[in-house]
Amino acid sequence: MSREYIKFGDPDDVVEGLQKLSNFPNVMGAIGCTHIRIKSPGQREDEEYRNRKGHFTLKVQAVSSAQLIIQ
């Protein structure tokens, strides 16, 4: 499924854009992570969604291009 959902564009363009922006060679993207707050799933597994602050969240990781486009 990754080939269907993960798109980076032309690798040379992506690397060139990030090198111009950050001065790092051979970089394909910038990775960021966050928690998205959700309502309690209301099931036995709901504790698997509770974060360290006590909120129910989904962990999300995204990759961005030099143009701030989430890939």
N, C-alpha and C. Protein backbone atom coordinates (compact mmCIF):
# COMPACT_ATOMS: atom_id res chain seq x y z
N MET A 1 0.81 -1.20 0.00
CA MET A 1 0.00 0.00 0.00
C MET A 1 0.85 1.27 0.00
N SER A 2 2.11 1.15 0.43
CA SER A 2 2.94 2.35 0.53
C SER A 2 3.13 3.03 -0.81
N ARG A 3 3.24 2.27 -1.87
CA ARG A 3 3.43 2.89 -3.20
C ARG A 3 2.22 3.72 -3.62
N GLU A 4 1.06 3.36 -3.12
CA GLU A 4 -0.16 4.10 -3.45
C GLU A 4 -0.27 5.40 -2.65
N TYR A 5 0.21 5.39 -1.40
CA TYR A 5 -0.02 6.53 -0.52
C TYR A 5 1.20 7.40 -0.24
N ILE A 6 2.40 6.88 -0.41
CA ILE A 6 3.59 7.67 -0.13
C ILE A 6 4.18 8.16 -1.44
N LYS A 7 4.18 9.48 -1.63
CA LYS A 7 4.66 10.09 -2.86
C LYS A 7 5.71 11.14 -2.51
N PHE A 8 6.85 11.08 -3.16
CA PHE A 8 7.91 12.05 -2.91
C PHE A 8 8.19 12.94 -4.11
N GLY A 9 7.59 12.68 -5.23
CA GLY A 9 7.92 13.46 -6.41
C GLY A 9 9.25 13.03 -6.99
N ASP A 10 9.79 13.86 -7.86
CA ASP A 10 11.08 13.56 -8.47
C ASP A 10 12.17 13.69 -7.41
N PRO A 11 12.90 12.62 -7.13
CA PRO A 11 13.91 12.67 -6.06
C PRO A 11 14.93 13.78 -6.22
N ASP A 12 15.38 14.03 -7.45
CA ASP A 12 16.38 15.08 -7.66
C ASP A 12 15.83 16.46 -7.29
N ASP A 13 14.57 16.72 -7.64
CA ASP A 13 13.94 18.01 -7.30
C ASP A 13 13.77 18.16 -5.80
N VAL A 14 13.36 17.08 -5.13
CA VAL A 14 13.15 17.13 -3.68
C VAL A 14 14.47 17.38 -2.96
N VAL A 15 15.51 16.66 -3.33
CA VAL A 15 16.82 16.82 -2.70
C VAL A 15 17.36 18.23 -2.96
N GLU A 16 17.23 18.70 -4.18
CA GLU A 16 17.74 20.04 -4.52
C GLU A 16 17.01 21.12 -3.73
N GLY A 17 15.68 21.01 -3.62
CA GLY A 17 14.91 22.00 -2.87
C GLY A 17 15.29 22.06 -1.40
N LEU A 18 15.46 20.90 -0.79
CA LEU A 18 15.83 20.88 0.63
C LEU A 18 17.28 21.31 0.84
N GLN A 19 18.15 21.03 -0.12
CA GLN A 19 19.54 21.47 0.02
C GLN A 19 19.62 22.99 -0.06
N LYS A 20 18.83 23.60 -0.96
CA LYS A 20 18.82 25.06 -1.05
C LYS A 20 18.26 25.70 0.22
N LEU A 21 17.25 25.07 0.81
CA LEU A 21 16.61 25.61 1.99
C LEU A 21 17.44 25.43 3.25
N SER A 22 18.01 24.23 3.43
CA SER A 22 18.65 23.90 4.71
C SER A 22 20.15 23.73 4.65
N ASN A 23 20.70 23.65 3.44
CA ASN A 23 22.14 23.43 3.24
C ASN A 23 22.57 22.03 3.70
N PHE A 24 21.61 21.08 3.76
CA PHE A 24 21.92 19.67 4.04
C PHE A 24 21.90 18.91 2.73
N PRO A 25 22.96 18.19 2.38
CA PRO A 25 22.96 17.44 1.13
C PRO A 25 22.20 16.11 1.27
N ASN A 26 21.63 15.66 0.18
CA ASN A 26 21.00 14.34 0.06
C ASN A 26 19.87 14.09 1.06
N VAL A 27 19.04 15.11 1.31
CA VAL A 27 17.89 14.98 2.22
C VAL A 27 16.62 14.88 1.40
N MET A 28 15.78 13.89 1.74
CA MET A 28 14.52 13.67 1.00
C MET A 28 13.31 14.30 1.68
N GLY A 29 13.40 14.73 2.91
CA GLY A 29 12.25 15.32 3.59
C GLY A 29 12.56 15.63 5.04
N ALA A 30 11.69 16.43 5.64
CA ALA A 30 11.78 16.75 7.06
C ALA A 30 10.66 16.00 7.77
N ILE A 31 10.99 15.29 8.84
CA ILE A 31 10.02 14.47 9.56
C ILE A 31 9.57 15.21 10.81
N GLY A 32 8.27 15.16 11.05
CA GLY A 32 7.70 15.74 12.26
C GLY A 32 6.67 14.79 12.86
N CYS A 33 6.50 14.86 14.17
CA CYS A 33 5.55 13.99 14.86
C CYS A 33 4.67 14.83 15.78
N THR A 34 3.45 14.37 15.99
CA THR A 34 2.54 15.04 16.91
C THR A 34 1.48 14.07 17.38
N HIS A 35 0.72 14.49 18.37
CA HIS A 35 -0.43 13.72 18.85
C HIS A 35 -1.69 14.46 18.42
N ILE A 36 -2.66 13.75 17.89
CA ILE A 36 -3.96 14.31 17.53
C ILE A 36 -4.96 13.81 18.56
N ARG A 37 -5.58 14.75 19.28
CA ARG A 37 -6.51 14.36 20.34
C ARG A 37 -7.79 13.78 19.75
N ILE A 38 -8.26 12.68 20.34
CA ILE A 38 -9.49 12.01 19.90
C ILE A 38 -10.36 11.73 21.12
N LYS A 39 -11.63 11.39 20.86
CA LYS A 39 -12.51 10.94 21.94
C LYS A 39 -12.12 9.52 22.31
N SER A 40 -12.46 9.13 23.53
CA SER A 40 -12.16 7.77 23.97
C SER A 40 -12.81 6.77 23.02
N PRO A 41 -12.05 5.79 22.58
CA PRO A 41 -12.62 4.78 21.69
C PRO A 41 -13.75 3.98 22.37
N GLY A 42 -13.78 3.97 23.71
CA GLY A 42 -14.85 3.30 24.43
C GLY A 42 -14.81 1.79 24.33
N GLN A 43 -13.65 1.24 24.19
CA GLN A 43 -13.48 -0.21 24.10
C GLN A 43 -12.45 -0.64 25.13
N ARG A 44 -12.25 -1.92 25.22
CA ARG A 44 -11.25 -2.42 26.17
C ARG A 44 -9.86 -1.92 25.83
N GLU A 45 -9.59 -1.65 24.57
CA GLU A 45 -8.25 -1.21 24.13
C GLU A 45 -8.05 0.29 24.27
N ASP A 46 -9.02 1.02 24.84
CA ASP A 46 -8.90 2.47 24.83
C ASP A 46 -7.66 2.98 25.56
N GLU A 47 -7.15 2.24 26.53
CA GLU A 47 -5.95 2.68 27.24
C GLU A 47 -4.72 2.70 26.34
N GLU A 48 -4.75 1.97 25.25
CA GLU A 48 -3.64 2.00 24.30
C GLU A 48 -3.55 3.36 23.60
N TYR A 49 -4.64 4.13 23.63
CA TYR A 49 -4.67 5.44 22.99
C TYR A 49 -4.43 6.58 23.98
N ARG A 50 -4.25 6.29 25.25
CA ARG A 50 -4.04 7.33 26.26
C ARG A 50 -2.55 7.71 26.27
N ASN A 51 -2.27 9.01 26.15
CA ASN A 51 -0.87 9.45 26.15
C ASN A 51 -0.40 9.72 27.57
N ARG A 52 0.82 10.16 27.71
CA ARG A 52 1.41 10.35 29.04
C ARG A 52 0.75 11.48 29.82
N LYS A 53 0.02 12.37 29.13
CA LYS A 53 -0.69 13.45 29.82
C LYS A 53 -2.12 13.06 30.17
N GLY A 54 -2.51 11.83 29.82
CA GLY A 54 -3.83 11.34 30.18
C GLY A 54 -4.90 11.55 29.13
N HIS A 55 -4.54 12.11 27.97
CA HIS A 55 -5.50 12.35 26.89
C HIS A 55 -5.49 11.17 25.91
N PHE A 56 -6.62 10.96 25.25
CA PHE A 56 -6.67 9.96 24.18
C PHE A 56 -6.18 10.63 22.90
N THR A 57 -5.17 10.04 22.27
CA THR A 57 -4.60 10.62 21.06
C THR A 57 -4.19 9.54 20.07
N LEU A 58 -4.05 9.97 18.83
CA LEU A 58 -3.40 9.16 17.80
C LEU A 58 -2.05 9.80 17.53
N LYS A 59 -1.03 9.00 17.41
CA LYS A 59 0.30 9.50 17.10
C LYS A 59 0.40 9.60 15.58
N VAL A 60 0.86 10.76 15.11
CA VAL A 60 0.95 11.00 13.67
C VAL A 60 2.37 11.42 13.33
N GLN A 61 2.90 10.84 12.25
CA GLN A 61 4.22 11.21 11.77
C GLN A 61 4.06 11.61 10.31
N ALA A 62 4.66 12.74 9.92
CA ALA A 62 4.52 13.22 8.55
C ALA A 62 5.89 13.65 8.02
N VAL A 63 6.01 13.62 6.70
CA VAL A 63 7.22 14.07 6.01
C VAL A 63 6.84 15.26 5.13
N SER A 64 7.64 16.31 5.18
CA SER A 64 7.37 17.52 4.42
C SER A 64 8.50 17.79 3.43
N SER A 65 8.12 18.39 2.30
CA SER A 65 9.11 18.81 1.30
C SER A 65 9.60 20.21 1.65
N ALA A 66 10.51 20.75 0.86
CA ALA A 66 11.03 22.11 1.08
C ALA A 66 9.92 23.15 0.89
N GLN A 67 8.88 22.80 0.13
CA GLN A 67 7.75 23.72 -0.10
C GLN A 67 6.67 23.57 0.97
N LEU A 68 6.99 22.84 2.05
CA LEU A 68 6.09 22.59 3.17
C LEU A 68 4.86 21.78 2.75
N ILE A 69 5.02 20.95 1.75
CA ILE A 69 3.96 20.04 1.31
C ILE A 69 4.13 18.73 2.06
N ILE A 70 3.06 18.30 2.74
CA ILE A 70 3.13 17.04 3.46
C ILE A 70 3.02 15.92 2.45
N GLN A 71 4.02 15.07 2.44
CA GLN A 71 4.07 13.99 1.48
C GLN A 71 3.23 12.87 1.98
